[in-house]
N, C-alpha and C. Protein backbone atom coordinates (compact mmCIF):
# COMPACT_ATOMS: atom_id res chain seq x y z
N MET A 1 0.99 -1.32 0.05
CA MET A 1 -0.23 0.15 -0.05
C MET A 1 0.99 0.75 0.18
N THR A 2 1.49 2.17 -1.20
CA THR A 2 2.32 2.40 -1.10
C THR A 2 2.14 3.44 -2.96
N SER A 3 2.36 5.28 -2.84
CA SER A 3 2.44 5.74 -3.99
C SER A 3 3.73 4.96 -4.38
N SER A 4 3.71 4.35 -5.92
CA SER A 4 4.69 4.92 -6.37
C SER A 4 5.19 5.32 -8.04
N CYS A 5 4.00 5.52 -8.64
CA CYS A 5 4.49 6.03 -9.78
C CYS A 5 3.46 7.40 -9.78
N LYS A 6 3.34 8.07 -11.31
CA LYS A 6 2.42 8.41 -11.66
C LYS A 6 1.91 8.73 -13.06
N ALA A 7 1.02 9.21 -13.06
CA ALA A 7 0.25 8.79 -14.21
C ALA A 7 0.64 8.77 -15.83
N SER A 8 2.45 9.52 -15.77
CA SER A 8 2.86 9.28 -17.09
C SER A 8 3.92 8.22 -16.63
N GLN A 9 3.78 7.58 -15.95
CA GLN A 9 5.07 6.49 -15.81
C GLN A 9 4.18 4.90 -15.89
N SER A 10 4.84 3.85 -16.02
CA SER A 10 4.44 2.83 -15.53
C SER A 10 3.50 1.91 -14.90
N SER A 11 3.42 0.65 -14.27
CA SER A 11 2.59 0.75 -12.89
C SER A 11 4.13 0.46 -12.22
N GLY A 12 3.39 0.32 -10.81
CA GLY A 12 4.18 0.16 -9.65
C GLY A 12 5.25 -1.08 -9.54
N PHE A 13 6.02 -0.99 -8.54
CA PHE A 13 6.06 -1.91 -7.92
C PHE A 13 5.11 -3.39 -7.36
N GLY A 14 4.18 -2.91 -6.79
CA GLY A 14 3.40 -3.70 -5.61
C GLY A 14 2.42 -4.19 -6.82
N ILE A 15 2.52 -4.20 -7.54
CA ILE A 15 1.42 -4.75 -8.90
C ILE A 15 2.32 -6.05 -9.66
N ARG A 16 3.10 -5.28 -9.66
CA ARG A 16 4.32 -6.05 -10.25
C ARG A 16 4.96 -7.46 -9.78
N ALA A 17 4.54 -6.84 -8.02
CA ALA A 17 5.25 -8.74 -7.37
C ALA A 17 3.86 -9.20 -7.78
N CYS A 18 2.34 -8.89 -7.51
CA CYS A 18 1.67 -10.03 -8.07
C CYS A 18 1.53 -10.63 -9.03
N ALA A 19 1.66 -9.57 -9.85
CA ALA A 19 1.55 -10.05 -11.42
C ALA A 19 2.59 -12.08 -11.77
N ILE A 20 3.94 -11.38 -11.04
CA ILE A 20 4.82 -12.14 -10.66
C ILE A 20 4.47 -13.52 -10.72
N VAL A 21 4.12 -13.74 -9.29
CA VAL A 21 3.65 -14.62 -8.34
C VAL A 21 2.15 -15.39 -8.76
N SER A 22 1.34 -14.73 -9.18
CA SER A 22 0.23 -15.11 -9.39
C SER A 22 -0.05 -16.47 -10.06
N THR A 23 -1.04 -17.23 -9.70
CA THR A 23 -1.35 -18.41 -10.53
C THR A 23 -2.73 -18.56 -10.66
N PRO A 24 -3.18 -19.38 -11.78
CA PRO A 24 -4.29 -19.78 -11.58
C PRO A 24 -4.84 -21.21 -10.22
N GLN A 25 -4.12 -21.31 -9.66
CA GLN A 25 -3.97 -21.94 -8.18
C GLN A 25 -3.89 -20.86 -7.06
N LEU A 26 -3.15 -20.13 -7.44
CA LEU A 26 -2.73 -18.81 -6.28
C LEU A 26 -2.43 -17.89 -6.95
N PRO A 27 -4.29 -16.93 -7.02
CA PRO A 27 -4.13 -15.90 -7.14
C PRO A 27 -3.96 -14.99 -6.51
N VAL A 28 -3.05 -14.20 -6.52
CA VAL A 28 -2.50 -12.40 -5.82
C VAL A 28 -2.94 -11.46 -6.48
N SER A 29 -3.61 -10.97 -4.96
CA SER A 29 -4.07 -9.34 -5.72
C SER A 29 -3.45 -8.06 -5.00
N TYR A 30 -3.93 -7.01 -5.68
CA TYR A 30 -3.03 -6.01 -4.94
C TYR A 30 -3.74 -5.04 -4.49
N VAL A 31 -3.61 -4.11 -3.20
CA VAL A 31 -4.67 -2.82 -3.59
C VAL A 31 -4.20 -1.50 -3.69
N ASN A 32 -3.89 -0.69 -3.74
CA ASN A 32 -2.87 0.75 -3.32
C ASN A 32 -3.50 1.35 -3.12
N GLN A 33 -3.81 2.31 -2.27
CA GLN A 33 -3.58 3.34 -1.34
C GLN A 33 -3.51 4.73 -1.05
N GLY A 34 -1.79 4.32 -1.97
CA GLY A 34 -1.20 5.74 -2.35
C GLY A 34 -1.69 5.79 -3.86
N TYR A 35 -1.65 6.95 -3.83
CA TYR A 35 -2.09 7.66 -4.84
C TYR A 35 -0.91 9.28 -5.37
N PRO A 36 0.02 9.93 -6.60
CA PRO A 36 0.64 10.88 -6.39
C PRO A 36 -0.26 12.32 -5.73
N VAL A 37 0.29 12.55 -5.47
CA VAL A 37 0.27 13.80 -4.56
C VAL A 37 -0.55 13.56 -3.45
N ARG A 38 -1.09 11.98 -2.84
CA ARG A 38 -2.01 12.11 -1.51
C ARG A 38 -0.69 11.96 -0.58
N ASN A 39 -1.43 12.51 0.38
CA ASN A 39 -0.64 12.59 1.78
C ASN A 39 -0.57 11.59 2.46
N SER A 40 0.18 11.11 3.62
CA SER A 40 0.41 10.22 4.92
C SER A 40 -1.48 10.08 5.87
N SER A 41 -1.98 11.38 5.32
CA SER A 41 -3.55 11.32 6.70
C SER A 41 -4.09 10.62 5.47
N GLY A 42 -4.50 10.51 4.21
CA GLY A 42 -5.17 9.75 3.57
C GLY A 42 -4.72 8.43 3.02
N PHE A 43 -3.26 8.60 3.32
CA PHE A 43 -2.55 6.78 2.72
C PHE A 43 -3.09 6.21 3.72
N CYS A 44 -2.75 6.32 4.99
CA CYS A 44 -2.66 5.66 5.90
C CYS A 44 -4.14 5.52 6.81
N SER A 45 -5.46 6.11 6.50
CA SER A 45 -6.27 5.88 6.98
C SER A 45 -7.09 5.03 6.44
N CYS A 46 -6.83 4.90 4.83
CA CYS A 46 -7.29 4.13 3.76
C CYS A 46 -6.71 2.79 4.08
N ALA A 47 -5.78 2.74 3.98
CA ALA A 47 -5.12 1.17 4.46
C ALA A 47 -5.80 0.99 5.34
N THR A 48 -5.95 1.29 6.82
CA THR A 48 -6.08 1.03 8.30
C THR A 48 -7.14 0.11 7.92
N TRP A 49 -8.20 0.72 7.04
CA TRP A 49 -9.98 0.04 6.69
C TRP A 49 -9.88 -0.59 5.42
N VAL A 50 -8.66 -0.87 4.69
CA VAL A 50 -8.29 -2.04 3.52
C VAL A 50 -7.90 -3.39 4.73
N ILE A 51 -6.46 -3.17 5.90
CA ILE A 51 -6.50 -4.18 6.48
C ILE A 51 -7.11 -4.53 7.74
N GLN A 52 -8.17 -4.03 8.00
CA GLN A 52 -9.10 -4.59 8.58
C GLN A 52 -10.52 -4.98 8.06
N HIS A 53 -10.25 -4.63 6.57
CA HIS A 53 -11.74 -5.47 6.59
C HIS A 53 -11.93 -6.08 5.13
N PRO A 54 -10.82 -6.19 4.38
CA PRO A 54 -10.76 -7.21 3.30
C PRO A 54 -9.24 -7.92 3.74
N LYS A 55 -8.56 -7.72 4.91
CA LYS A 55 -7.72 -8.50 5.76
C LYS A 55 -6.60 -9.27 3.94
N PRO A 56 -5.76 -7.93 4.37
CA PRO A 56 -4.51 -9.01 3.25
C PRO A 56 -3.62 -9.30 4.26
N GLN A 57 -3.09 -10.52 3.26
CA GLN A 57 -2.08 -10.94 3.92
C GLN A 57 -0.72 -9.76 4.24
N ALA A 58 -0.49 -9.50 3.99
CA ALA A 58 1.00 -8.66 3.80
C ALA A 58 0.15 -7.12 3.36
N ALA A 59 1.00 -6.20 3.66
CA ALA A 59 0.63 -4.42 3.72
C ALA A 59 2.50 -3.86 3.32
N LEU A 60 2.33 -3.15 2.78
CA LEU A 60 3.63 -2.17 2.58
C LEU A 60 3.26 -1.42 2.76
N ILE A 61 4.53 -0.40 3.40
CA ILE A 61 3.51 0.41 4.29
C ILE A 61 4.71 1.85 4.10
N GLN A 62 4.31 2.44 3.54
CA GLN A 62 5.17 4.02 3.50
C GLN A 62 5.23 4.80 4.68
N THR A 63 6.65 5.37 4.55
CA THR A 63 6.36 5.48 6.80
C THR A 63 7.39 7.16 6.29
N TRP A 64 6.84 7.41 5.06
CA TRP A 64 7.40 9.00 5.08
C TRP A 64 6.89 9.57 3.58
N SER A 65 5.74 10.71 3.68
CA SER A 65 5.67 11.26 2.39
C SER A 65 6.34 12.62 2.16
N GLY A 66 6.46 12.76 0.79
CA GLY A 66 7.34 13.99 0.11
C GLY A 66 6.01 14.77 -0.33
N ASN A 67 5.00 14.25 0.23
CA ASN A 67 3.99 14.97 -0.12
C ASN A 67 3.29 15.87 0.80
N GLU A 68 3.76 16.02 2.35
CA GLU A 68 3.18 17.08 3.24
C GLU A 68 5.02 18.42 3.80
N PRO A 69 4.86 18.91 4.22
CA PRO A 69 5.49 20.15 4.48
C PRO A 69 6.69 19.65 4.94
N TRP A 70 7.64 19.90 4.32
CA TRP A 70 9.34 19.80 4.96
C TRP A 70 9.54 20.40 6.21
N THR A 71 8.54 19.54 7.13
CA THR A 71 9.80 19.86 8.93
C THR A 71 9.16 18.55 9.77
N ARG A 72 10.02 18.65 10.71
CA ARG A 72 10.19 17.97 11.23
C ARG A 72 9.41 17.55 12.10
N GLU A 73 8.30 18.28 12.39
CA GLU A 73 7.07 18.12 13.13
C GLU A 73 6.26 16.81 12.03
N MET A 74 6.41 17.64 10.79
CA MET A 74 5.77 16.84 10.13
C MET A 74 5.93 15.50 9.31
N ALA A 75 7.26 15.13 9.53
CA ALA A 75 7.97 14.08 9.48
C ALA A 75 7.58 13.05 10.57
N ASP A 76 7.70 13.54 11.47
CA ASP A 76 7.80 12.83 12.86
C ASP A 76 5.97 12.07 12.76
N LEU A 77 4.66 13.22 12.34
CA LEU A 77 4.07 12.46 12.42
C LEU A 77 2.78 11.79 11.30
N SER A 78 4.29 11.77 10.08
CA SER A 78 4.08 10.29 9.12
C SER A 78 4.27 9.56 9.52
N PHE A 79 5.58 9.56 10.27
CA PHE A 79 6.17 7.88 11.10
C PHE A 79 5.24 7.21 11.59
N ALA A 80 5.02 8.16 12.74
CA ALA A 80 3.51 8.01 13.67
C ALA A 80 2.73 7.48 12.63
N ARG A 81 2.20 7.69 11.96
CA ARG A 81 0.75 7.39 10.78
C ARG A 81 1.04 5.54 10.95
N ALA A 82 2.34 5.94 9.96
CA ALA A 82 2.68 5.18 9.49
C ALA A 82 2.80 3.68 10.35
N MET A 83 3.24 3.96 11.27
CA MET A 83 4.06 2.88 12.58
C MET A 83 2.86 2.69 13.54
N ALA A 84 1.18 3.80 13.36
CA ALA A 84 0.06 2.97 13.71
C ALA A 84 -0.69 2.27 13.21
N VAL A 85 -0.32 1.63 11.73
CA VAL A 85 -0.98 1.33 10.78
C VAL A 85 -0.17 0.25 10.59
N ALA A 86 1.45 -0.02 10.80
CA ALA A 86 1.47 -1.02 10.99
C ALA A 86 0.90 -2.23 12.31
N ASP A 87 1.11 -1.48 13.72
CA ASP A 87 0.48 -2.10 14.75
C ASP A 87 -1.25 -2.67 13.78
N THR A 88 -1.99 -1.84 13.65
CA THR A 88 -2.82 -2.63 12.70
C THR A 88 -2.77 -3.17 12.26
N ALA A 89 -2.57 -3.93 10.96
CA ALA A 89 -2.05 -4.65 10.64
C ALA A 89 -1.41 -5.66 11.88
N ARG A 90 -0.42 -5.97 12.79
CA ARG A 90 -0.12 -7.29 13.36
C ARG A 90 -1.30 -7.36 14.23
N ARG A 91 -2.28 -6.88 14.63
CA ARG A 91 -3.55 -7.23 15.27
C ARG A 91 -4.35 -8.28 14.68
N ASN A 92 -3.71 -7.92 13.32
CA ASN A 92 -5.00 -8.15 11.53
C ASN A 92 -4.21 -9.64 11.10
N ARG A 93 -3.85 -10.01 12.36
CA ARG A 93 -2.62 -10.80 10.99
C ARG A 93 -2.50 -10.90 9.63
N CYS A 94 -1.93 -10.10 9.59
CA CYS A 94 -1.36 -8.86 8.27
C CYS A 94 0.35 -8.65 8.83
N VAL A 95 1.22 -9.13 7.72
CA VAL A 95 2.72 -9.07 7.71
C VAL A 95 2.91 -7.51 7.12
N PRO A 96 3.25 -6.85 8.35
CA PRO A 96 4.25 -5.19 7.94
C PRO A 96 5.04 -5.24 6.90
N ILE A 97 5.37 -4.41 6.50
CA ILE A 97 6.81 -5.10 5.20
C ILE A 97 6.72 -3.01 5.71
N LEU A 98 7.79 -2.82 6.05
CA LEU A 98 7.99 -1.17 6.12
C LEU A 98 8.85 -0.36 4.92
N GLY A 99 8.26 0.96 4.30
CA GLY A 99 8.85 1.71 3.12
C GLY A 99 9.83 2.20 3.66
N ASP A 100 11.08 2.62 2.96
CA ASP A 100 11.46 4.04 3.66
C ASP A 100 11.91 4.53 3.27
N PRO A 101 11.69 5.39 3.20
CA PRO A 101 12.12 6.94 2.10
C PRO A 101 13.34 7.37 1.06
N SER A 102 12.70 6.63 -0.15
CA SER A 102 13.31 6.33 -1.67
C SER A 102 14.50 7.85 -1.92
N PRO A 103 15.69 8.20 -2.05
CA PRO A 103 16.45 8.68 -2.07
C PRO A 103 15.94 9.59 -3.01
N MET A 104 14.75 10.77 -3.02
CA MET A 104 14.47 11.58 -4.22
C MET A 104 14.72 12.68 -3.92
N VAL A 105 15.07 13.65 -2.23
CA VAL A 105 15.37 14.76 -1.83
C VAL A 105 17.28 15.11 -2.38
N GLY A 106 18.00 13.46 -3.19
CA GLY A 106 19.25 14.17 -2.87
C GLY A 106 19.78 15.38 -3.69
N THR A 107 18.74 16.39 -4.01
CA THR A 107 19.34 17.93 -4.30
C THR A 107 19.09 18.63 -3.86
N ASN A 108 18.26 18.64 -2.51
CA ASN A 108 17.47 19.02 -1.50
C ASN A 108 18.25 18.95 -0.07
N PRO A 109 19.21 19.78 0.40
CA PRO A 109 19.66 19.85 1.37
C PRO A 109 18.67 19.95 2.69
N GLU A 110 18.15 20.39 2.98
CA GLU A 110 17.15 20.59 3.61
C GLU A 110 15.96 19.31 4.19
N ALA A 111 15.45 18.99 2.84
CA ALA A 111 14.31 17.66 2.73
C ALA A 111 15.41 16.39 3.53
N ALA A 112 17.13 15.79 2.48
CA ALA A 112 16.58 15.34 2.67
C ALA A 112 17.53 15.63 4.61
N ALA A 113 17.39 16.47 5.09
CA ALA A 113 17.68 16.55 6.45
C ALA A 113 16.55 15.73 7.67
N HIS A 114 15.81 16.22 6.97
CA HIS A 114 14.57 15.68 7.33
C HIS A 114 14.49 13.92 6.95
N ARG A 115 14.75 13.82 5.71
CA ARG A 115 14.55 12.47 5.00
C ARG A 115 15.52 11.29 5.81
N GLN A 116 16.78 11.53 6.15
CA GLN A 116 17.84 10.97 6.41
C GLN A 116 17.44 10.10 8.10
N PRO A 117 16.72 10.85 9.34
CA PRO A 117 16.40 10.32 10.48
C PRO A 117 14.85 9.36 10.00
N LYS A 118 14.26 9.55 8.93
CA LYS A 118 13.16 8.80 9.03
C LYS A 118 13.62 7.62 8.44
N ARG A 119 14.82 7.33 7.73
CA ARG A 119 15.18 6.69 7.15
C ARG A 119 15.64 5.27 8.16
N ILE A 120 16.63 5.75 8.89
CA ILE A 120 17.08 5.84 10.36
C ILE A 120 15.72 4.72 11.34
N ARG A 121 14.86 6.04 11.44
CA ARG A 121 13.95 5.27 12.67
C ARG A 121 13.22 4.34 11.38
N ALA A 122 12.81 4.19 10.51
CA ALA A 122 12.41 3.29 9.70
C ALA A 122 12.94 1.80 10.15
N ARG A 123 14.39 1.63 9.47
CA ARG A 123 15.25 0.80 9.82
C ARG A 123 14.89 -0.17 11.58
N ALA A 124 15.23 0.90 12.25
CA ALA A 124 14.81 -0.09 13.35
C ALA A 124 13.75 -0.17 13.97
N ALA A 125 12.22 0.24 13.29
CA ALA A 125 11.83 -0.06 13.51
C ALA A 125 11.13 -1.72 12.95
N ALA A 126 11.92 -1.88 12.08
CA ALA A 126 11.78 -2.93 11.13
C ALA A 126 12.62 -4.18 11.70
N GLN A 127 13.06 -3.89 12.44
CA GLN A 127 13.97 -4.96 12.50
C GLN A 127 13.80 -5.66 13.84
N PRO A 128 13.24 -5.71 15.18
CA PRO A 128 12.69 -7.06 15.93
C PRO A 128 11.80 -7.28 16.00
N ARG A 129 10.54 -6.58 14.76
CA ARG A 129 9.58 -8.00 15.07
C ARG A 129 8.79 -8.16 13.58
N GLY A 130 10.04 -7.32 12.28
CA GLY A 130 9.30 -6.80 10.52
C GLY A 130 10.38 -7.09 10.11
N TYR A 131 10.16 -6.17 8.49
CA TYR A 131 10.28 -6.36 7.68
C TYR A 131 10.78 -4.75 7.14
N LEU A 132 11.74 -4.31 6.10
CA LEU A 132 11.39 -2.96 6.07
C LEU A 132 11.93 -3.32 3.63
N LEU A 133 11.49 -2.38 3.12
CA LEU A 133 12.06 -2.65 1.91
C LEU A 133 13.16 -1.60 1.75
N ASP A 134 14.19 -2.38 1.63
CA ASP A 134 15.08 -0.84 1.36
C ASP A 134 15.10 0.13 -0.02
N LEU A 135 14.33 0.91 -0.37
CA LEU A 135 14.45 1.96 -1.00
C LEU A 135 15.71 2.52 -1.58
N ASP A 136 16.09 2.85 -0.30
CA ASP A 136 17.10 3.60 -0.13
C ASP A 136 18.70 2.78 -0.73
N THR A 137 18.41 1.43 -0.76
CA THR A 137 20.14 0.76 -1.00
C THR A 137 19.79 0.08 -2.07
N LEU A 138 18.46 -0.12 -2.21
CA LEU A 138 17.59 -0.65 -4.03
C LEU A 138 18.70 0.63 -4.97
N TRP A 139 17.48 1.72 -4.67
CA TRP A 139 17.84 2.96 -5.74
C TRP A 139 19.15 4.01 -5.60
N GLY A 140 19.05 4.13 -4.37
CA GLY A 140 20.12 5.00 -4.43
C GLY A 140 21.70 4.31 -4.62
N THR A 141 22.38 5.28 -5.36
CA THR A 141 24.09 6.11 -5.68
C THR A 141 24.37 5.81 -4.43
N GLY A 142 23.99 5.48 -3.18
CA GLY A 142 24.51 5.46 -1.19
C GLY A 142 25.41 6.83 -1.64
N ALA A 143 25.23 8.08 -2.45
CA ALA A 143 26.61 9.27 -1.78
C ALA A 143 25.75 9.74 -0.87
N THR A 144 26.06 11.36 -0.08
CA THR A 144 25.83 11.91 0.55
C THR A 144 25.10 13.36 1.28
N PRO A 145 24.01 13.92 0.93
CA PRO A 145 22.60 13.07 1.02
C PRO A 145 22.57 11.74 -0.65
N ASN A 146 21.56 10.81 -0.53
CA ASN A 146 21.76 9.79 -1.39
C ASN A 146 20.76 10.56 -2.48
N THR A 147 21.40 9.78 -3.93
CA THR A 147 20.44 10.05 -4.74
C THR A 147 20.18 9.00 -6.17
N TYR A 148 19.69 9.02 -6.16
CA TYR A 148 18.76 7.91 -8.09
C TYR A 148 20.27 7.61 -8.59
N ARG A 149 20.06 5.84 -8.79
CA ARG A 149 21.11 5.71 -9.18
C ARG A 149 21.02 6.06 -10.63
N ARG A 150 21.54 6.36 -10.92
CA ARG A 150 21.42 6.64 -13.26
C ARG A 150 20.52 5.89 -13.52
N GLU A 151 20.53 4.62 -13.84
CA GLU A 151 19.75 3.17 -14.52
C GLU A 151 18.28 3.50 -13.91
N TYR A 152 18.32 3.48 -12.51
CA TYR A 152 17.30 3.52 -12.31
C TYR A 152 16.34 4.88 -12.10
N ASP A 153 16.85 6.62 -12.39
CA ASP A 153 15.82 7.64 -12.20
C ASP A 153 14.47 7.55 -13.52
N TRP A 154 13.97 8.14 -13.19
CA TRP A 154 12.74 9.05 -14.25
C TRP A 154 13.93 9.29 -14.85
N GLY A 155 14.32 10.72 -14.37
CA GLY A 155 15.33 11.70 -14.97
C GLY A 155 14.66 13.03 -13.94
N ASP A 156 14.40 13.00 -13.51
CA ASP A 156 13.94 14.24 -12.34
C ASP A 156 14.72 14.33 -11.35
N GLN A 157 15.27 13.00 -11.03
CA GLN A 157 15.81 12.73 -9.13
C GLN A 157 14.55 12.04 -7.71
N MET A 158 13.58 12.26 -8.68
CA MET A 158 12.43 12.48 -7.75
C MET A 158 11.32 10.74 -7.47
N TYR A 159 11.31 10.36 -9.23
CA TYR A 159 10.81 9.26 -9.49
C TYR A 159 11.36 7.63 -9.32
N PRO A 160 11.49 6.80 -9.79
CA PRO A 160 12.11 5.37 -10.04
C PRO A 160 11.26 4.98 -11.16
N ASN A 161 12.50 4.91 -12.35
CA ASN A 161 11.88 4.97 -13.69
C ASN A 161 11.50 3.12 -13.69
N ASP A 162 10.56 2.72 -14.93
CA ASP A 162 10.52 1.13 -15.05
C ASP A 162 11.62 0.76 -14.57
N ALA A 163 12.52 0.22 -14.56
CA ALA A 163 14.06 -0.36 -14.50
C ALA A 163 13.57 -0.93 -12.84
N ALA A 164 13.77 0.58 -12.33
CA ALA A 164 13.49 0.20 -10.85
C ALA A 164 12.26 -0.48 -10.07
N ARG A 165 11.55 -0.45 -10.91
CA ARG A 165 10.46 -1.12 -10.46
C ARG A 165 10.60 -2.27 -10.71
N ALA A 166 10.95 -2.52 -11.80
CA ALA A 166 11.08 -4.49 -11.76
C ALA A 166 12.06 -4.90 -10.99
N ALA A 167 13.17 -4.45 -10.93
CA ALA A 167 14.12 -4.62 -9.32
C ALA A 167 13.37 -4.74 -8.22
N THR A 168 12.04 -3.60 -7.95
CA THR A 168 11.84 -4.05 -6.23
C THR A 168 10.97 -4.76 -6.42
N ALA A 169 9.83 -5.21 -7.80
CA ALA A 169 8.77 -6.00 -7.79
C ALA A 169 10.01 -7.16 -7.11
N ARG A 170 11.28 -7.48 -8.33
CA ARG A 170 11.58 -8.97 -7.66
C ARG A 170 12.28 -8.87 -6.20
N VAL A 171 12.52 -8.28 -5.72
CA VAL A 171 12.83 -7.92 -4.26
C VAL A 171 11.32 -7.74 -2.87
N LEU A 172 10.35 -8.08 -3.34
CA LEU A 172 9.34 -8.53 -2.82
C LEU A 172 8.36 -9.27 -2.84
N VAL A 173 9.35 -10.26 -4.30
CA VAL A 173 8.65 -11.81 -3.90
C VAL A 173 9.88 -12.58 -3.37
N ARG A 174 10.53 -11.92 -3.60
CA ARG A 174 12.07 -12.60 -2.99
C ARG A 174 11.26 -12.45 -0.78
N CYS A 175 10.88 -11.60 -0.45
CA CYS A 175 11.01 -10.78 0.92
C CYS A 175 9.52 -11.65 1.33
N CYS A 176 8.97 -12.40 0.16
CA CYS A 176 7.58 -12.56 0.59
C CYS A 176 7.86 -14.65 1.07
N GLY A 177 9.12 -14.26 0.73
CA GLY A 177 9.14 -16.24 0.36
C GLY A 177 8.27 -16.47 -0.95
N ARG A 178 8.15 -16.45 -1.82
CA ARG A 178 7.06 -16.38 -3.33
C ARG A 178 8.42 -17.09 -4.48
N SER A 179 7.86 -17.96 -5.24
CA SER A 179 8.42 -18.00 -6.25
C SER A 179 7.15 -18.02 -7.02
N SER A 180 7.57 -18.40 -8.55
CA SER A 180 6.48 -18.64 -9.81
C SER A 180 5.46 -19.63 -9.00
N ALA A 181 6.16 -20.53 -8.48
CA ALA A 181 4.84 -22.75 -8.51
C ALA A 181 4.77 -21.59 -7.29
N GLY A 182 4.21 -20.63 -6.67
CA GLY A 182 3.94 -20.61 -5.54
C GLY A 182 4.01 -19.67 -4.16
N CYS A 183 3.34 -20.40 -2.89
CA CYS A 183 4.05 -19.54 -1.90
C CYS A 183 4.32 -20.47 -1.01
N SER A 184 5.64 -20.29 -0.35
CA SER A 184 6.68 -21.26 0.71
C SER A 184 8.12 -20.97 0.80
N GLY A 185 8.29 -21.22 2.60
CA GLY A 185 8.81 -20.14 3.47
C GLY A 185 7.62 -19.30 3.98
N ARG A 186 9.07 -18.68 5.40
CA ARG A 186 8.57 -17.44 5.59
C ARG A 186 9.21 -16.25 5.22
N PRO A 187 8.07 -15.11 5.06
CA PRO A 187 8.90 -14.00 3.84
C PRO A 187 10.93 -13.52 4.92
N ARG A 188 11.46 -13.63 3.93
CA ARG A 188 12.47 -13.02 4.04
C ARG A 188 13.16 -12.15 4.54
N SER A 189 14.13 -11.48 4.90
CA SER A 189 14.85 -9.26 4.56
C SER A 189 14.56 -8.91 3.52
N PRO A 190 13.96 -8.35 3.94
CA PRO A 190 13.49 -7.06 2.19
C PRO A 190 15.19 -6.22 2.32
N ARG A 191 15.52 -5.65 3.93
CA ARG A 191 17.17 -5.45 3.49
C ARG A 191 17.82 -6.22 2.82
N LEU A 192 17.96 -7.19 3.17
CA LEU A 192 19.27 -8.06 2.26
C LEU A 192 18.64 -8.11 1.08
N ALA A 193 18.03 -8.44 0.41
CA ALA A 193 17.38 -8.66 -0.58
C ALA A 193 17.48 -7.73 -1.81
N ALA A 194 17.65 -6.12 -0.64
CA ALA A 194 17.30 -5.18 -1.79
C ALA A 194 19.07 -4.84 -1.19
N VAL A 195 19.90 -5.38 -1.17
CA VAL A 195 20.78 -5.10 -1.12
C VAL A 195 21.85 -5.85 -1.62
N ARG A 196 20.99 -7.15 -1.76
CA ARG A 196 21.97 -8.15 -2.82
C ARG A 196 21.10 -7.60 -4.60
N VAL A 197 20.11 -7.53 -4.56
CA VAL A 197 19.39 -7.23 -6.27
C VAL A 197 20.65 -5.68 -6.34
N ALA A 198 20.59 -5.08 -5.31
CA ALA A 198 21.65 -3.32 -5.29
C ALA A 198 22.87 -3.52 -6.41
N GLN A 199 23.75 -4.51 -5.60
CA GLN A 199 24.97 -4.85 -5.55
C GLN A 199 24.88 -6.20 -6.70
N SER A 200 23.97 -6.64 -7.33
CA SER A 200 24.25 -7.21 -8.58
C SER A 200 23.51 -6.76 -9.80
N SER A 201 23.08 -5.77 -9.86
CA SER A 201 22.22 -4.95 -10.68
C SER A 201 23.40 -4.37 -11.80
């Protein structure tokens, strides 16, 4: 449940991951509660409803939104809302997969100063009992502040391109322990999967 593309771009990584693993014997569906310009209030409240009613098995939760004021207070509020969604997921036997902020503000030092603490907090929150989709490692150059790798940048240093989404879909498949033959095993660490993909791409 995360915004992953804009109108001019191809499909996001969530629907791609579902398409990879879905079979007639094991159909897999995807509900996206994020979209361009939606902020954390909107996508977190809608995601909570989806978790409580359709009851998905897993929820990908964005921990920080760039569609809100660039202030520490707003970044903290966005993170708190995401953690509340994660708690709701656990209570409903849904596996929360936290998404750390992507490397989208490398050219904006003020924004990067707010993004970095959220990235650290997302990693810490995922360590004891959850999972992390490490977009910063998967898509970024590793610079300080981090920026999109050239091959994964849409061209505006704000959005991932088609190749980035395809790589992230493969990571999600690994995270959920799925293959084209169906579902097996427990979810593996998204962070480690993201690191492996980034190093081998």
